[in-house]
């Protein structure tokens, strides 16, 4: 038992860096992509140095306008384009049959 605990600790210490390395393979935005997105937001009416009182609302409104423009123009190429279409996830595929109380699994128990 005394040898098992250090072995588990050493194994965990060896596994953790490999997991963090695997997560770092995802690439973020490039500077050019960030600048292009900022230009789109400014063209949609967002002023980054403007009204600091209503900051989140102004940015969200500009993002919504950019999204609507992309959807209206059919521009679904490039980074971060919104997906067009709908999905009906979360509902049951088949409606379950109605079970009367006398047919219940725990009837009489």
PDB file of N, CA and C in Angstrom:
ATOM      1  N   UNK A   1       0.828  -1.197   0.000  1.00  0.00           N
ATOM      2  CA  UNK A   1       0.000   0.000   0.000  1.00  0.00           C
ATOM      3  C   UNK A   1       0.867   1.253   0.000  1.00  0.00           C
ATOM      4  N   UNK A   2       2.014   1.164   0.727  1.00  0.00           N
ATOM      5  CA  UNK A   2       2.884   2.332   0.787  1.00  0.00           C
ATOM      6  C   UNK A   2       3.508   2.634  -0.571  1.00  0.00           C
ATOM      7  N   UNK A   3       3.733   1.627  -1.386  1.00  0.00           N
ATOM      8  CA  UNK A   3       4.333   1.834  -2.699  1.00  0.00           C
ATOM      9  C   UNK A   3       3.295   2.255  -3.734  1.00  0.00           C
ATOM     10  N   UNK A   4       2.024   1.960  -3.484  1.00  0.00           N
ATOM     11  CA  UNK A   4       0.971   2.289  -4.433  1.00  0.00           C
ATOM     12  C   UNK A   4       0.708   3.794  -4.488  1.00  0.00           C
ATOM     13  N   UNK A   5       0.689   4.436  -3.343  1.00  0.00           N
ATOM     14  CA  UNK A   5       0.373   5.870  -3.296  1.00  0.00           C
ATOM     15  C   UNK A   5       1.426   6.691  -4.044  1.00  0.00           C
ATOM     16  N   UNK A   6       2.725   6.494  -3.799  1.00  0.00           N
ATOM     17  CA  UNK A   6       3.699   7.274  -4.587  1.00  0.00           C
ATOM     18  C   UNK A   6       3.639   6.962  -6.085  1.00  0.00           C
ATOM     19  N   UNK A   7       3.316   5.727  -6.433  1.00  0.00           N
ATOM     20  CA  UNK A   7       3.213   5.380  -7.849  1.00  0.00           C
ATOM     21  C   UNK A   7       2.060   6.123  -8.505  1.00  0.00           C
ATOM     22  N   UNK A   8       0.946   6.238  -7.804  1.00  0.00           N
ATOM     23  CA  UNK A   8      -0.206   6.973  -8.333  1.00  0.00           C
ATOM     24  C   UNK A   8       0.119   8.457  -8.453  1.00  0.00           C
ATOM     25  N   UNK A   9       0.813   9.007  -7.468  1.00  0.00           N
ATOM     26  CA  UNK A   9       1.182  10.423  -7.507  1.00  0.00           C
ATOM     27  C   UNK A   9       2.123  10.694  -8.681  1.00  0.00           C
ATOM     28  N   UNK A  10       3.089   9.828  -8.886  1.00  0.00           N
ATOM     29  CA  UNK A  10       4.024  10.005  -9.996  1.00  0.00           C
ATOM     30  C   UNK A  10       3.297   9.876 -11.331  1.00  0.00           C
ATOM     31  N   UNK A  11       2.396   8.911 -11.444  1.00  0.00           N
ATOM     32  CA  UNK A  11       1.645   8.738 -12.687  1.00  0.00           C
ATOM     33  C   UNK A  11       0.782   9.964 -12.975  1.00  0.00           C
ATOM     34  N   UNK A  12       0.140  10.500 -11.945  1.00  0.00           N
ATOM     35  CA  UNK A  12      -0.685  11.696 -12.128  1.00  0.00           C
ATOM     36  C   UNK A  12       0.177  12.889 -12.521  1.00  0.00           C
ATOM     37  N   UNK A  13       1.360  12.992 -11.924  1.00  0.00           N
ATOM     38  CA  UNK A  13       2.257  14.102 -12.256  1.00  0.00           C
ATOM     39  C   UNK A  13       2.741  14.012 -13.702  1.00  0.00           C
ATOM     40  N   UNK A  14       2.860  12.813 -14.226  1.00  0.00           N
ATOM     41  CA  UNK A  14       3.281  12.649 -15.615  1.00  0.00           C
ATOM     42  C   UNK A  14       2.139  12.878 -16.602  1.00  0.00           C
ATOM     43  N   UNK A  15       0.915  12.610 -16.192  1.00  0.00           N
ATOM     44  CA  UNK A  15      -0.235  12.739 -17.082  1.00  0.00           C
ATOM     45  C   UNK A  15      -0.692  14.189 -17.212  1.00  0.00           C
ATOM     46  N   UNK A  16      -0.638  14.965 -16.149  1.00  0.00           N
ATOM     47  CA  UNK A  16      -1.162  16.334 -16.155  1.00  0.00           C
ATOM     48  C   UNK A  16      -0.482  17.212 -17.206  1.00  0.00           C
ATOM     49  N   UNK A  17       0.842  17.233 -17.334  1.00  0.00           N
ATOM     50  CA  UNK A  17       1.432  18.076 -18.388  1.00  0.00           C
ATOM     51  C   UNK A  17       1.035  17.655 -19.800  1.00  0.00           C
ATOM     52  N   UNK A  18       0.853  16.373 -20.017  1.00  0.00           N
ATOM     53  CA  UNK A  18       0.455  15.943 -21.358  1.00  0.00           C
ATOM     54  C   UNK A  18      -0.957  16.406 -21.685  1.00  0.00           C
ATOM     55  N   UNK A  19      -1.831  16.461 -20.688  1.00  0.00           N
ATOM     56  CA  UNK A  19      -3.187  16.961 -20.923  1.00  0.00           C
ATOM     57  C   UNK A  19      -3.176  18.455 -21.215  1.00  0.00           C
ATOM     58  N   UNK A  20      -2.369  19.205 -20.480  1.00  0.00           N
ATOM     59  CA  UNK A  20      -2.316  20.643 -20.726  1.00  0.00           C
ATOM     60  C   UNK A  20      -1.685  20.939 -22.078  1.00  0.00           C
ATOM     61  N   UNK A  21      -0.741  20.129 -22.509  1.00  0.00           N
ATOM     62  CA  UNK A  21      -0.141  20.310 -23.825  1.00  0.00           C
ATOM     63  C   UNK A  21      -1.155  20.020 -24.922  1.00  0.00           C
ATOM     64  N   UNK A  22      -1.998  19.027 -24.712  1.00  0.00           N
ATOM     65  CA  UNK A  22      -3.007  18.683 -25.711  1.00  0.00           C
ATOM     66  C   UNK A  22      -4.020  19.808 -25.864  1.00  0.00           C
ATOM     67  N   UNK A  23      -4.304  20.522 -24.791  1.00  0.00           N
ATOM     68  CA  UNK A  23      -5.271  21.607 -24.860  1.00  0.00           C
ATOM     69  C   UNK A  23      -4.691  22.843 -25.531  1.00  0.00           C
ATOM     70  N   UNK A  24      -3.384  23.010 -25.538  1.00  0.00           N
ATOM     71  CA  UNK A  24      -2.792  24.214 -26.102  1.00  0.00           C
ATOM     72  C   UNK A  24      -2.705  24.172 -27.622  1.00  0.00           C
ATOM     73  N   UNK A  25      -3.125  23.091 -28.246  1.00  0.00           N
ATOM     74  CA  UNK A  25      -3.043  22.993 -29.698  1.00  0.00           C
ATOM     75  C   UNK A  25      -4.117  23.820 -30.399  1.00  0.00           C
ATOM     76  N   UNK A  26      -5.130  24.256 -29.677  1.00  0.00           N
ATOM     77  CA  UNK A  26      -6.175  25.069 -30.291  1.00  0.00           C
ATOM     78  C   UNK A  26      -5.630  26.472 -30.532  1.00  0.00           C
ATOM     79  N   UNK A  27      -5.813  26.957 -31.738  1.00  0.00           N
ATOM     80  CA  UNK A  27      -5.304  28.275 -32.070  1.00  0.00           C
ATOM     81  C   UNK A  27      -6.374  29.316 -31.808  1.00  0.00           C
ATOM     82  N   UNK A  28      -5.940  30.454 -31.306  1.00  0.00           N
ATOM     83  CA  UNK A  28      -6.850  31.558 -31.084  1.00  0.00           C
ATOM     84  C   UNK A  28      -6.933  32.425 -32.326  1.00  0.00           C
ATOM     85  N   UNK A  29      -7.415  33.625 -32.142  1.00  0.00           N
ATOM     86  CA  UNK A  29      -7.525  34.565 -33.250  1.00  0.00           C
ATOM     87  C   UNK A  29      -6.173  35.201 -33.539  1.00  0.00           C
ATOM     88  N   UNK A  30      -5.927  35.492 -34.790  1.00  0.00           N
ATOM     89  CA  UNK A  30      -4.733  36.242 -35.148  1.00  0.00           C
ATOM     90  C   UNK A  30      -5.026  37.728 -34.978  1.00  0.00           C
ATOM     91  N   UNK A  31      -3.990  38.525 -34.993  1.00  0.00           N
ATOM     92  CA  UNK A  31      -4.187  39.973 -34.864  1.00  0.00           C
ATOM     93  C   UNK A  31      -4.996  40.521 -36.029  1.00  0.00           C
ATOM     94  N   UNK A  32      -4.750  39.986 -37.195  1.00  0.00           N
ATOM     95  CA  UNK A  32      -5.491  40.451 -38.379  1.00  0.00           C
ATOM     96  C   UNK A  32      -6.977  40.146 -38.244  1.00  0.00           C
ATOM     97  N   UNK A  33      -7.310  38.974 -37.693  1.00  0.00           N
ATOM     98  CA  UNK A  33      -8.720  38.626 -37.507  1.00  0.00           C
ATOM     99  C   UNK A  33      -9.371  39.535 -36.475  1.00  0.00           C
ATOM    100  N   UNK A  34      -8.648  39.848 -35.408  1.00  0.00           N
ATOM    101  CA  UNK A  34      -9.198  40.734 -34.375  1.00  0.00           C
ATOM    102  C   UNK A  34      -9.410  42.132 -34.941  1.00  0.00           C
ATOM    103  N   UNK A  35      -8.436  42.624 -35.712  1.00  0.00           N
ATOM    104  CA  UNK A  35      -8.583  43.955 -36.310  1.00  0.00           C
ATOM    105  C   UNK A  35      -9.744  43.999 -37.296  1.00  0.00           C
ATOM    106  N   UNK A  36      -9.891  42.949 -38.093  1.00  0.00           N
ATOM    107  CA  UNK A  36     -11.000  42.905 -39.053  1.00  0.00           C
ATOM    108  C   UNK A  36     -12.342  42.888 -38.329  1.00  0.00           C
ATOM    109  N   UNK A  37     -12.412  42.149 -37.230  1.00  0.00           N
ATOM    110  CA  UNK A  37     -13.656  42.111 -36.457  1.00  0.00           C
ATOM    111  C   UNK A  37     -13.947  43.467 -35.827  1.00  0.00           C
ATOM    112  N   UNK A  38     -12.911  44.146 -35.340  1.00  0.00           N
ATOM    113  CA  UNK A  38     -13.098  45.469 -34.756  1.00  0.00           C
ATOM    114  C   UNK A  38     -13.565  46.470 -35.807  1.00  0.00           C
ATOM    115  N   UNK A  39     -13.030  46.382 -37.014  1.00  0.00           N
ATOM    116  CA  UNK A  39     -13.467  47.271 -38.099  1.00  0.00           C
ATOM    117  C   UNK A  39     -14.935  47.013 -38.424  1.00  0.00           C
ATOM    118  N   UNK A  40     -15.340  45.745 -38.466  1.00  0.00           N
ATOM    119  CA  UNK A  40     -16.748  45.419 -38.723  1.00  0.00           C
ATOM    120  C   UNK A  40     -17.641  45.996 -37.635  1.00  0.00           C
ATOM    121  N   UNK A  41     -17.207  45.892 -36.373  1.00  0.00           N
ATOM    122  CA  UNK A  41     -18.011  46.431 -35.275  1.00  0.00           C
ATOM    123  C   UNK A  41     -18.100  47.948 -35.358  1.00  0.00           C
ATOM    124  N   UNK A  42     -17.002  48.607 -35.711  1.00  0.00           N
ATOM    125  CA  UNK A  42     -17.031  50.063 -35.842  1.00  0.00           C
ATOM    126  C   UNK A  42     -17.940  50.491 -36.987  1.00  0.00           C
ATOM    127  N   UNK A  43     -17.948  49.730 -38.077  1.00  0.00           N
ATOM    128  CA  UNK A  43     -18.836  50.044 -39.197  1.00  0.00           C
ATOM    129  C   UNK A  43     -20.294  49.816 -38.820  1.00  0.00           C
ATOM    130  N   UNK A  44     -20.536  48.949 -37.844  1.00  0.00           N
ATOM    131  CA  UNK A  44     -21.900  48.686 -37.389  1.00  0.00           C
ATOM    132  C   UNK A  44     -22.347  49.691 -36.336  1.00  0.00           C
ATOM    133  N   UNK A  45     -21.476  50.649 -35.982  1.00  0.00           N
ATOM    134  CA  UNK A  45     -21.886  51.696 -35.065  1.00  0.00           C
ATOM    135  C   UNK A  45     -21.261  51.633 -33.691  1.00  0.00           C
ATOM    136  N   UNK A  46     -20.330  50.732 -33.453  1.00  0.00           N
ATOM    137  CA  UNK A  46     -19.694  50.632 -32.142  1.00  0.00           C
ATOM    138  C   UNK A  46     -18.485  51.549 -32.094  1.00  0.00           C
ATOM    139  N   UNK A  47     -18.375  52.324 -31.014  1.00  0.00           N
ATOM    140  CA  UNK A  47     -17.242  53.214 -30.805  1.00  0.00           C
ATOM    141  C   UNK A  47     -16.493  52.730 -29.566  1.00  0.00           C
ATOM    142  N   UNK A  48     -15.302  52.126 -29.723  1.00  0.00           N
ATOM    143  CA  UNK A  48     -14.607  51.567 -28.567  1.00  0.00           C
ATOM    144  C   UNK A  48     -14.194  52.605 -27.537  1.00  0.00           C
ATOM    145  N   UNK A  49     -13.988  53.834 -27.935  1.00  0.00           N
ATOM    146  CA  UNK A  49     -13.591  54.856 -26.972  1.00  0.00           C
ATOM    147  C   UNK A  49     -14.771  55.721 -26.559  1.00  0.00           C
ATOM    148  N   UNK A  50     -15.951  55.318 -26.898  1.00  0.00           N
ATOM    149  CA  UNK A  50     -17.137  56.125 -26.637  1.00  0.00           C
ATOM    150  C   UNK A  50     -17.761  55.858 -25.282  1.00  0.00           C
ATOM    151  N   UNK A  51     -19.043  55.704 -25.282  1.00  0.00           N
ATOM    152  CA  UNK A  51     -19.878  55.589 -24.093  1.00  0.00           C
ATOM    153  C   UNK A  51     -19.457  54.404 -23.224  1.00  0.00           C
ATOM    154  N   UNK A  52     -18.810  54.686 -22.101  1.00  0.00           N
ATOM    155  CA  UNK A  52     -18.358  53.619 -21.211  1.00  0.00           C
ATOM    156  C   UNK A  52     -19.430  53.215 -20.204  1.00  0.00           C
ATOM    157  N   UNK A  53     -20.482  53.989 -20.108  1.00  0.00           N
ATOM    158  CA  UNK A  53     -21.554  53.658 -19.174  1.00  0.00           C
ATOM    159  C   UNK A  53     -22.360  52.469 -19.686  1.00  0.00           C
ATOM    160  N   UNK A  54     -22.632  52.447 -20.980  1.00  0.00           N
ATOM    161  CA  UNK A  54     -23.432  51.379 -21.585  1.00  0.00           C
ATOM    162  C   UNK A  54     -22.563  50.418 -22.385  1.00  0.00           C
ATOM    163  N   UNK A  55     -21.362  50.128 -21.885  1.00  0.00           N
ATOM    164  CA  UNK A  55     -20.386  49.342 -22.644  1.00  0.00           C
ATOM    165  C   UNK A  55     -20.903  47.994 -23.126  1.00  0.00           C
ATOM    166  N   UNK A  56     -21.382  47.120 -22.287  1.00  0.00           N
ATOM    167  CA  UNK A  56     -21.739  45.802 -22.835  1.00  0.00           C
ATOM    168  C   UNK A  56     -22.899  45.872 -23.817  1.00  0.00           C
ATOM    169  N   UNK A  57     -23.871  46.734 -23.538  1.00  0.00           N
ATOM    170  CA  UNK A  57     -25.039  46.817 -24.405  1.00  0.00           C
ATOM    171  C   UNK A  57     -24.655  47.332 -25.792  1.00  0.00           C
ATOM    172  N   UNK A  58     -23.782  48.346 -25.847  1.00  0.00           N
ATOM    173  CA  UNK A  58     -23.366  48.894 -27.143  1.00  0.00           C
ATOM    174  C   UNK A  58     -22.624  47.853 -27.972  1.00  0.00           C
ATOM    175  N   UNK A  59     -21.731  47.120 -27.337  1.00  0.00           N
ATOM    176  CA  UNK A  59     -20.963  46.099 -28.048  1.00  0.00           C
ATOM    177  C   UNK A  59     -21.865  44.965 -28.519  1.00  0.00           C
ATOM    178  N   UNK A  60     -22.777  44.533 -27.662  1.00  0.00           N
ATOM    179  CA  UNK A  60     -23.681  43.443 -28.034  1.00  0.00           C
ATOM    180  C   UNK A  60     -24.612  43.858 -29.165  1.00  0.00           C
ATOM    181  N   UNK A  61     -25.060  45.102 -29.147  1.00  0.00           N
ATOM    182  CA  UNK A  61     -25.926  45.586 -30.223  1.00  0.00           C
ATOM    183  C   UNK A  61     -25.164  45.622 -31.548  1.00  0.00           C
ATOM    184  N   UNK A  62     -23.908  46.060 -31.510  1.00  0.00           N
ATOM    185  CA  UNK A  62     -23.108  46.087 -32.735  1.00  0.00           C
ATOM    186  C   UNK A  62     -22.832  44.671 -33.234  1.00  0.00           C
ATOM    187  N   UNK A  63     -22.569  43.745 -32.323  1.00  0.00           N
ATOM    188  CA  UNK A  63     -22.354  42.353 -32.723  1.00  0.00           C
ATOM    189  C   UNK A  63     -23.613  41.768 -33.351  1.00  0.00           C
ATOM    190  N   UNK A  64     -24.764  42.116 -32.806  1.00  0.00           N
ATOM    191  CA  UNK A  64     -26.025  41.629 -33.376  1.00  0.00           C
ATOM    192  C   UNK A  64     -26.229  42.190 -34.780  1.00  0.00           C
ATOM    193  N   UNK A  65     -25.889  43.479 -34.987  1.00  0.00           N
ATOM    194  CA  UNK A  65     -26.022  44.072 -36.320  1.00  0.00           C
ATOM    195  C   UNK A  65     -25.077  43.402 -37.320  1.00  0.00           C
ATOM    196  N   UNK A  66     -23.847  43.111 -36.890  1.00  0.00           N
ATOM    197  CA  UNK A  66     -22.894  42.435 -37.781  1.00  0.00           C
ATOM    198  C   UNK A  66     -23.406  41.046 -38.131  1.00  0.00           C
ATOM    199  N   UNK A  67     -23.948  40.339 -37.148  1.00  0.00           N
ATOM    200  CA  UNK A  67     -24.487  39.001 -37.395  1.00  0.00           C
ATOM    201  C   UNK A  67     -25.651  39.062 -38.368  1.00  0.00           C
ATOM    202  N   UNK A  68     -26.549  40.038 -38.187  1.00  0.00           N
ATOM    203  CA  UNK A  68     -27.680  40.182 -39.096  1.00  0.00           C
ATOM    204  C   UNK A  68     -27.219  40.509 -40.512  1.00  0.00           C
ATOM    205  N   UNK A  69     -26.195  41.354 -40.623  1.00  0.00           N
ATOM    206  CA  UNK A  69     -25.671  41.689 -41.950  1.00  0.00           C
ATOM    207  C   UNK A  69     -25.082  40.455 -42.626  1.00  0.00           C
ATOM    208  N   UNK A  70     -24.368  39.636 -41.859  1.00  0.00           N
ATOM    209  CA  UNK A  70     -23.780  38.420 -42.430  1.00  0.00           C
ATOM    210  C   UNK A  70     -24.871  37.449 -42.869  1.00  0.00           C
ATOM    211  N   UNK A  71     -25.910  37.319 -42.060  1.00  0.00           N
ATOM    212  CA  UNK A  71     -27.006  36.425 -42.429  1.00  0.00           C
ATOM    213  C   UNK A  71     -27.748  36.939 -43.655  1.00  0.00           C
ATOM    214  N   UNK A  72     -27.953  38.253 -43.713  1.00  0.00           N
ATOM    215  CA  UNK A  72     -28.686  38.829 -44.835  1.00  0.00           C
ATOM    216  C   UNK A  72     -27.896  38.711 -46.138  1.00  0.00           C
ATOM    217  N   UNK A  73     -26.587  38.866 -46.054  1.00  0.00           N
ATOM    218  CA  UNK A  73     -25.779  38.795 -47.275  1.00  0.00           C
ATOM    219  C   UNK A  73     -25.399  37.368 -47.636  1.00  0.00           C
ATOM    220  N   UNK A  74     -25.682  36.431 -46.756  1.00  0.00           N
ATOM    221  CA  UNK A  74     -25.356  35.039 -47.033  1.00  0.00           C
ATOM    222  C   UNK A  74     -23.881  34.743 -46.871  1.00  0.00           C
ATOM    223  N   UNK A  75     -23.160  35.608 -46.187  1.00  0.00           N
ATOM    224  CA  UNK A  75     -21.721  35.419 -45.986  1.00  0.00           C
ATOM    225  C   UNK A  75     -21.509  34.453 -44.829  1.00  0.00           C
ATOM    226  N   UNK A  76     -21.359  33.193 -45.156  1.00  0.00           N
ATOM    227  CA  UNK A  76     -21.119  32.192 -44.120  1.00  0.00           C
ATOM    228  C   UNK A  76     -19.710  31.633 -44.222  1.00  0.00           C
ATOM    229  N   UNK A  77     -18.848  32.315 -44.935  1.00  0.00           N
ATOM    230  CA  UNK A  77     -17.467  31.863 -45.028  1.00  0.00           C
ATOM    231  C   UNK A  77     -16.612  32.691 -44.084  1.00  0.00           C
ATOM    232  N   UNK A  78     -15.451  32.181 -43.750  1.00  0.00           N
ATOM    233  CA  UNK A  78     -14.545  32.908 -42.891  1.00  0.00           C
ATOM    234  C   UNK A  78     -14.724  32.530 -41.441  1.00  0.00           C
ATOM    235  N   UNK A  79     -14.010  33.202 -40.591  1.00  0.00           N
ATOM    236  CA  UNK A  79     -13.989  32.864 -39.178  1.00  0.00           C
ATOM    237  C   UNK A  79     -15.239  33.372 -38.472  1.00  0.00           C
ATOM    238  N   UNK A  80     -15.844  32.549 -37.686  1.00  0.00           N
ATOM    239  CA  UNK A  80     -16.928  32.957 -36.814  1.00  0.00           C
ATOM    240  C   UNK A  80     -18.247  33.244 -37.490  1.00  0.00           C
ATOM    241  N   UNK A  81     -18.458  32.787 -38.668  1.00  0.00           N
ATOM    242  CA  UNK A  81     -19.735  33.028 -39.325  1.00  0.00           C
ATOM    243  C   UNK A  81     -20.826  32.241 -38.612  1.00  0.00           C
ATOM    244  N   UNK A  82     -21.983  32.843 -38.399  1.00  0.00           N
ATOM    245  CA  UNK A  82     -23.053  32.131 -37.706  1.00  0.00           C
ATOM    246  C   UNK A  82     -23.622  31.011 -38.568  1.00  0.00           C
ATOM    247  N   UNK A  83     -24.014  29.969 -37.940  1.00  0.00           N
ATOM    248  CA  UNK A  83     -24.609  28.841 -38.650  1.00  0.00           C
ATOM    249  C   UNK A  83     -26.039  29.182 -39.032  1.00  0.00           C
ATOM    250  N   UNK A  84     -26.411  28.873 -40.244  1.00  0.00           N
ATOM    251  CA  UNK A  84     -27.757  29.142 -40.721  1.00  0.00           C
ATOM    252  C   UNK A  84     -28.551  27.849 -40.624  1.00  0.00           C
ATOM    253  N   UNK A  85     -29.746  27.931 -40.062  1.00  0.00           N
ATOM    254  CA  UNK A  85     -30.582  26.745 -39.936  1.00  0.00           C
ATOM    255  C   UNK A  85     -31.059  26.577 -38.507  1.00  0.00           C
ATOM    256  N   UNK A  86     -31.854  25.572 -38.300  1.00  0.00           N
ATOM    257  CA  UNK A  86     -32.379  25.317 -36.971  1.00  0.00           C
ATOM    258  C   UNK A  86     -32.150  23.871 -36.596  1.00  0.00           C
ATOM    259  N   UNK A  87     -32.315  23.611 -35.331  1.00  0.00           N
ATOM    260  CA  UNK A  87     -32.152  22.258 -34.815  1.00  0.00           C
ATOM    261  C   UNK A  87     -33.194  22.045 -33.737  1.00  0.00           C
ATOM    262  N   UNK A  88     -33.746  20.865 -33.684  1.00  0.00           N
ATOM    263  CA  UNK A  88     -34.724  20.547 -32.658  1.00  0.00           C
ATOM    264  C   UNK A  88     -34.133  19.493 -31.737  1.00  0.00           C
ATOM    265  N   UNK A  89     -33.213  19.905 -30.931  1.00  0.00           N
ATOM    266  CA  UNK A  89     -32.562  18.973 -30.015  1.00  0.00           C
ATOM    267  C   UNK A  89     -33.234  19.048 -28.652  1.00  0.00           C
ATOM    268  N   UNK A  90     -33.175  17.975 -27.925  1.00  0.00           N
ATOM    269  CA  UNK A  90     -33.670  17.965 -26.559  1.00  0.00           C
ATOM    270  C   UNK A  90     -35.026  17.334 -26.389  1.00  0.00           C
ATOM    271  N   UNK A  91     -35.779  17.151 -27.442  1.00  0.00           N
ATOM    272  CA  UNK A  91     -37.100  16.542 -27.333  1.00  0.00           C
ATOM    273  C   UNK A  91     -37.030  15.049 -27.553  1.00  0.00           C
ATOM    274  N   UNK A  92     -38.002  14.316 -27.046  1.00  0.00           N
ATOM    275  CA  UNK A  92     -37.984  12.873 -27.276  1.00  0.00           C
ATOM    276  C   UNK A  92     -38.286  12.557 -28.741  1.00  0.00           C
ATOM    277  N   UNK A  93     -37.644  11.539 -29.269  1.00  0.00           N
ATOM    278  CA  UNK A  93     -37.852  11.155 -30.660  1.00  0.00           C
ATOM    279  C   UNK A  93     -39.240  10.551 -30.852  1.00  0.00           C
ATOM    280  N   UNK A  94     -39.698   9.800 -29.874  1.00  0.00           N
ATOM    281  CA  UNK A  94     -41.005   9.158 -29.934  1.00  0.00           C
ATOM    282  C   UNK A  94     -41.752   9.517 -28.657  1.00  0.00           C
ATOM    283  N   UNK A  95     -43.013   9.865 -28.785  1.00  0.00           N
ATOM    284  CA  UNK A  95     -43.808  10.172 -27.609  1.00  0.00           C
ATOM    285  C   UNK A  95     -44.093   8.884 -26.843  1.00  0.00           C
ATOM    286  N   UNK A  96     -43.854   8.856 -25.535  1.00  0.00           N
ATOM    287  CA  UNK A  96     -44.114   7.635 -24.771  1.00  0.00           C
ATOM    288  C   UNK A  96     -45.616   7.374 -24.656  1.00  0.00           C
ATOM    289  N   UNK A  97     -45.974   6.112 -24.580  1.00  0.00           N
ATOM    290  CA  UNK A  97     -47.380   5.736 -24.433  1.00  0.00           C
ATOM    291  C   UNK A  97     -47.858   6.121 -23.041  1.00  0.00           C
ATOM    292  N   UNK A  98     -49.121   6.485 -22.940  1.00  0.00           N
ATOM    293  CA  UNK A  98     -49.690   6.861 -21.654  1.00  0.00           C
ATOM    294  C   UNK A  98     -49.906   5.603 -20.814  1.00  0.00           C
ATOM    295  N   UNK A  99     -49.406   5.609 -19.602  1.00  0.00           N
ATOM    296  CA  UNK A  99     -49.506   4.455 -18.707  1.00  0.00           C
ATOM    297  C   UNK A  99     -50.533   4.780 -17.633  1.00  0.00           C
ATOM    298  N   UNK A 100     -51.523   3.916 -17.500  1.00  0.00           N
ATOM    299  CA  UNK A 100     -52.522   4.098 -16.450  1.00  0.00           C
ATOM    300  C   UNK A 100     -51.923   3.654 -15.123  1.00  0.00           C
ATOM    301  N   UNK A 101     -52.479   4.107 -13.998  1.00  0.00           N
ATOM    302  CA  UNK A 101     -51.925   3.718 -12.699  1.00  0.00           C
ATOM    303  C   UNK A 101     -51.896   2.204 -12.479  1.00  0.00           C
ATOM    304  N   UNK A 102     -52.851   1.468 -13.029  1.00  0.00           N
ATOM    305  CA  UNK A 102     -52.851   0.022 -12.825  1.00  0.00           C
ATOM    306  C   UNK A 102     -51.759  -0.676 -13.632  1.00  0.00           C
ATOM    307  N   UNK A 103     -51.209   0.004 -14.638  1.00  0.00           N
ATOM    308  CA  UNK A 103     -50.136  -0.570 -15.444  1.00  0.00           C
ATOM    309  C   UNK A 103     -48.755  -0.134 -14.965  1.00  0.00           C
ATOM    310  N   UNK A 104     -48.685   0.693 -13.952  1.00  0.00           N
ATOM    311  CA  UNK A 104     -47.414   1.203 -13.467  1.00  0.00           C
ATOM    312  C   UNK A 104     -46.562   0.078 -12.896  1.00  0.00           C
ATOM    313  N   UNK A 105     -45.269   0.281 -12.903  1.00  0.00           N
ATOM    314  CA  UNK A 105     -44.326  -0.733 -12.438  1.00  0.00           C
ATOM    315  C   UNK A 105     -44.536  -1.032 -10.960  1.00  0.00           C
ATOM    316  N   UNK A 106     -44.815  -0.022 -10.156  1.00  0.00           N
ATOM    317  CA  UNK A 106     -44.916  -0.205  -8.714  1.00  0.00           C
ATOM    318  C   UNK A 106     -46.362  -0.336  -8.248  1.00  0.00           C
ATOM    319  N   UNK A 107     -47.268  -0.699  -9.129  1.00  0.00           N
ATOM    320  CA  UNK A 107     -48.672  -0.832  -8.745  1.00  0.00           C
ATOM    321  C   UNK A 107     -48.825  -1.969  -7.738  1.00  0.00           C
ATOM    322  N   UNK A 108     -49.425  -1.676  -6.620  1.00  0.00           N
ATOM    323  CA  UNK A 108     -49.690  -2.680  -5.601  1.00  0.00           C
ATOM    324  C   UNK A 108     -48.568  -2.850  -4.595  1.00  0.00           C
ATOM    325  N   UNK A 109     -47.508  -2.093  -4.704  1.00  0.00           N
ATOM    326  CA  UNK A 109     -46.401  -2.244  -3.746  1.00  0.00           C
ATOM    327  C   UNK A 109     -46.445  -1.164  -2.721  1.00  0.00           C
TER     328      UNK A 109
END
